[in-house]
Amino acid sequence: MSLVRRAEPEDAEEVLRLRQVMLDSVHPAGPSGSAKQPADWQAESLPTLRARLAAPDADSADSADSAAFAAFVVDHPAPERPGMLAALVVGTMEYRIGRSGNPHGRVGHVFSVATDPGVRRRGYARACMEALLDWFRETGAVQVDLNASAAAEPLYASLGFVRKPDPSMRLQL
């Protein structure tokens, strides 16, 4: 029996807690330009996340939505922490105009990989990543992108990810 399961709407608050763990590890002082405190954005985000986790077509790359969404989690192993999550991985399947090597334009993107600090180094993030990569394969992705912190790069490299030159730019609206 696998420890990993698909996240459900009831997991939304814990998903947001672990997302904040990930954000804090990447941006210890908080993302630049963000005036909202974690509780503010989390409360505002909660209804949307619950709806995404409940969407029956959330795992369909052919849905009318612009991006299919999947979250995989591991429940916290401590019996005194019922309802808490130990690890989280979230990804989307996006459509981009086809090209050589990807004529259908399906591209996976991984984000919000996080493990509760008290249960790290137990293989939970790897197990969640493997479940998400299986989902990407099942939904037709031929490539998967992610942004890696230095601490997480060995995990991703062991799964076959390689660094690429990235000319990414961003406009904050």
Protein backbone atom coordinates (compact mmCIF):
# COMPACT_ATOMS: atom_id res chain seq x y z
CA MET A 1 0.00 0.00 0.00
CA SER A 2 1.37 3.41 -0.99
CA LEU A 3 1.76 6.22 1.49
CA VAL A 4 0.94 8.71 -1.26
CA ARG A 5 -2.61 9.73 -2.06
CA ARG A 6 -4.33 12.36 -4.13
CA ALA A 7 -5.10 15.50 -2.09
CA GLU A 8 -8.76 16.14 -1.32
CA PRO A 9 -10.68 19.36 -0.56
CA GLU A 10 -10.41 18.57 3.17
CA ASP A 11 -6.61 18.83 2.82
CA ALA A 12 -6.67 22.40 1.54
CA GLU A 13 -5.59 24.12 4.78
CA GLU A 14 -2.69 21.70 5.19
CA VAL A 15 -1.72 22.10 1.54
CA LEU A 16 -1.52 25.85 2.12
CA ARG A 17 0.50 25.34 5.32
CA LEU A 18 3.05 23.21 3.46
CA ARG A 19 3.10 25.69 0.58
CA GLN A 20 4.12 28.33 3.12
CA VAL A 21 6.88 25.99 4.37
CA MET A 22 8.15 25.80 0.79
CA LEU A 23 7.87 29.57 0.26
CA ASP A 24 9.72 30.26 3.50
CA SER A 25 12.56 27.95 2.45
CA VAL A 26 12.93 29.65 -0.93
CA HIS A 27 12.26 33.24 0.22
CA PRO A 28 13.15 33.44 3.94
CA ALA A 29 12.26 37.15 4.12
CA GLY A 30 9.08 36.67 2.07
CA PRO A 31 8.61 37.21 -1.66
CA SER A 32 9.52 40.73 -2.68
CA GLY A 33 6.57 42.97 -3.32
CA SER A 34 4.21 40.88 -1.20
CA ALA A 35 2.37 43.00 1.35
CA LYS A 36 0.09 40.21 2.57
CA GLN A 37 0.95 38.06 5.54
CA PRO A 38 0.61 34.24 5.19
CA ALA A 39 -2.74 34.10 7.00
CA ASP A 40 -4.15 36.79 4.68
CA TRP A 41 -3.28 35.12 1.39
CA GLN A 42 -4.08 31.66 2.73
CA ALA A 43 -7.61 32.66 3.79
CA GLU A 44 -8.16 34.29 0.42
CA SER A 45 -6.74 31.27 -1.44
CA LEU A 46 -8.60 28.56 0.48
CA PRO A 47 -11.93 28.55 -1.45
CA THR A 48 -10.16 28.44 -4.81
CA LEU A 49 -7.86 25.63 -3.72
CA ARG A 50 -10.76 23.60 -2.29
CA ALA A 51 -12.60 23.96 -5.60
CA ARG A 52 -9.53 22.86 -7.59
CA LEU A 53 -9.03 19.84 -5.35
CA ALA A 54 -12.71 18.90 -5.76
CA ALA A 55 -12.87 19.39 -9.54
CA PRO A 56 -13.81 16.08 -11.17
CA ASP A 57 -11.89 16.94 -14.34
CA ALA A 58 -8.81 18.27 -12.52
CA ASP A 59 -6.75 15.38 -13.80
CA SER A 60 -7.82 15.59 -17.43
CA ALA A 61 -5.38 17.17 -19.85
CA ASP A 62 -8.29 17.47 -22.30
CA SER A 63 -10.59 19.41 -19.99
CA ALA A 64 -11.89 22.82 -21.01
CA ASP A 65 -9.72 24.33 -18.28
CA SER A 66 -6.42 25.79 -19.43
CA ALA A 67 -4.39 23.68 -17.00
CA ALA A 68 -5.11 20.35 -15.36
CA PHE A 69 -4.13 20.32 -11.68
CA ALA A 70 -2.97 17.54 -9.37
CA ALA A 71 -1.71 17.45 -5.79
CA PHE A 72 -0.25 14.39 -4.10
CA VAL A 73 0.31 14.16 -0.35
CA VAL A 74 1.53 11.90 2.44
CA ASP A 75 -0.29 11.99 5.78
CA HIS A 76 1.76 12.88 8.84
CA PRO A 77 2.94 9.66 10.53
CA ALA A 78 2.58 10.91 14.12
CA PRO A 79 -0.67 9.68 15.69
CA GLU A 80 -0.87 12.88 17.74
CA ARG A 81 -1.08 14.92 14.51
CA PRO A 82 -4.27 13.63 12.85
CA GLY A 83 -5.27 15.51 9.74
CA MET A 84 -1.80 16.95 9.22
CA LEU A 85 0.26 16.31 6.12
CA ALA A 86 3.90 15.26 6.04
CA ALA A 87 4.62 16.07 2.39
CA LEU A 88 3.11 17.69 -0.65
CA VAL A 89 3.79 17.91 -4.38
CA VAL A 90 1.63 19.92 -6.77
CA GLY A 91 1.73 20.18 -10.53
CA THR A 92 -0.17 21.38 -13.54
CA MET A 93 -0.43 20.07 -17.07
CA GLU A 94 -0.48 22.96 -19.50
CA TYR A 95 -1.11 23.23 -23.21
CA ARG A 96 1.44 25.04 -25.34
CA ILE A 97 1.47 25.13 -29.11
CA GLY A 98 3.07 21.92 -30.36
CA ARG A 99 6.62 21.67 -31.61
CA SER A 100 9.11 19.04 -32.68
CA GLY A 101 9.32 16.46 -29.90
CA ASN A 102 6.01 17.62 -28.39
CA PRO A 103 3.45 17.90 -31.22
CA HIS A 104 0.49 17.93 -28.78
CA GLY A 105 1.98 20.69 -26.65
CA ARG A 106 1.48 19.02 -23.27
CA VAL A 107 3.96 20.26 -20.66
CA GLY A 108 3.96 19.44 -16.98
CA HIS A 109 5.04 21.95 -14.37
CA VAL A 110 5.94 21.01 -10.78
CA PHE A 111 5.60 23.51 -7.95
CA SER A 112 5.04 23.52 -4.19
CA VAL A 113 7.19 20.55 -3.25
CA ALA A 114 7.35 20.62 0.54
CA THR A 115 7.94 18.37 3.51
CA ASP A 116 7.06 19.21 7.10
CA PRO A 117 10.37 20.06 8.80
CA GLY A 118 9.83 17.42 11.51
CA VAL A 119 9.65 14.49 9.06
CA ARG A 120 12.25 15.27 6.41
CA ARG A 121 14.69 12.73 4.93
CA ARG A 122 12.15 9.86 5.01
CA GLY A 123 11.45 9.67 1.26
CA TYR A 124 8.05 11.36 1.39
CA ALA A 125 8.84 14.08 -1.18
CA ARG A 126 10.35 11.47 -3.53
CA ALA A 127 7.25 9.27 -3.23
CA CYS A 128 4.99 12.25 -3.97
CA MET A 129 7.18 13.29 -6.92
CA GLU A 130 7.04 9.78 -8.36
CA ALA A 131 3.22 9.81 -8.12
CA LEU A 132 3.07 13.21 -9.83
CA LEU A 133 5.46 12.08 -12.59
CA ASP A 134 3.23 9.01 -13.16
CA TRP A 135 0.23 11.36 -13.45
CA PHE A 136 2.09 13.49 -15.99
CA ARG A 137 2.91 10.39 -18.06
CA GLU A 138 -0.72 9.20 -17.88
CA THR A 139 -2.03 12.59 -19.02
CA GLY A 140 0.35 12.81 -21.98
CA ALA A 141 3.17 15.13 -20.91
CA VAL A 142 6.42 14.68 -22.80
CA GLN A 143 8.37 17.14 -20.66
CA VAL A 144 8.16 18.38 -17.09
CA ASP A 145 9.62 21.65 -15.84
CA LEU A 146 10.34 22.86 -12.32
CA ASN A 147 12.37 25.43 -10.45
CA ALA A 148 14.75 23.82 -7.97
CA SER A 149 16.28 25.17 -4.81
CA ALA A 150 19.89 24.16 -4.20
CA ALA A 151 18.78 21.91 -1.33
CA ALA A 152 16.26 20.04 -3.49
CA GLU A 153 18.36 19.72 -6.64
CA PRO A 154 19.86 16.30 -5.69
CA LEU A 155 16.35 14.82 -5.38
CA TYR A 156 15.30 16.14 -8.78
CA ALA A 157 18.57 15.08 -10.41
CA SER A 158 18.08 11.55 -9.06
CA LEU A 159 14.67 11.51 -10.80
CA GLY A 160 16.25 12.51 -14.12
CA PHE A 161 15.82 16.30 -14.14
CA VAL A 162 18.68 18.34 -15.60
CA ARG A 163 19.53 22.04 -15.33
CA LYS A 164 18.70 24.12 -18.36
CA PRO A 165 19.59 27.66 -19.29
CA ASP A 166 16.52 29.68 -18.40
CA PRO A 167 15.83 33.05 -19.97
CA SER A 168 12.67 33.44 -17.90
CA MET A 169 11.40 36.88 -17.03
CA ARG A 170 8.40 37.93 -14.96
CA LEU A 171 6.03 40.88 -14.77
CA GLN A 172 4.15 41.23 -11.50
CA LEU A 173 0.64 42.62 -12.20
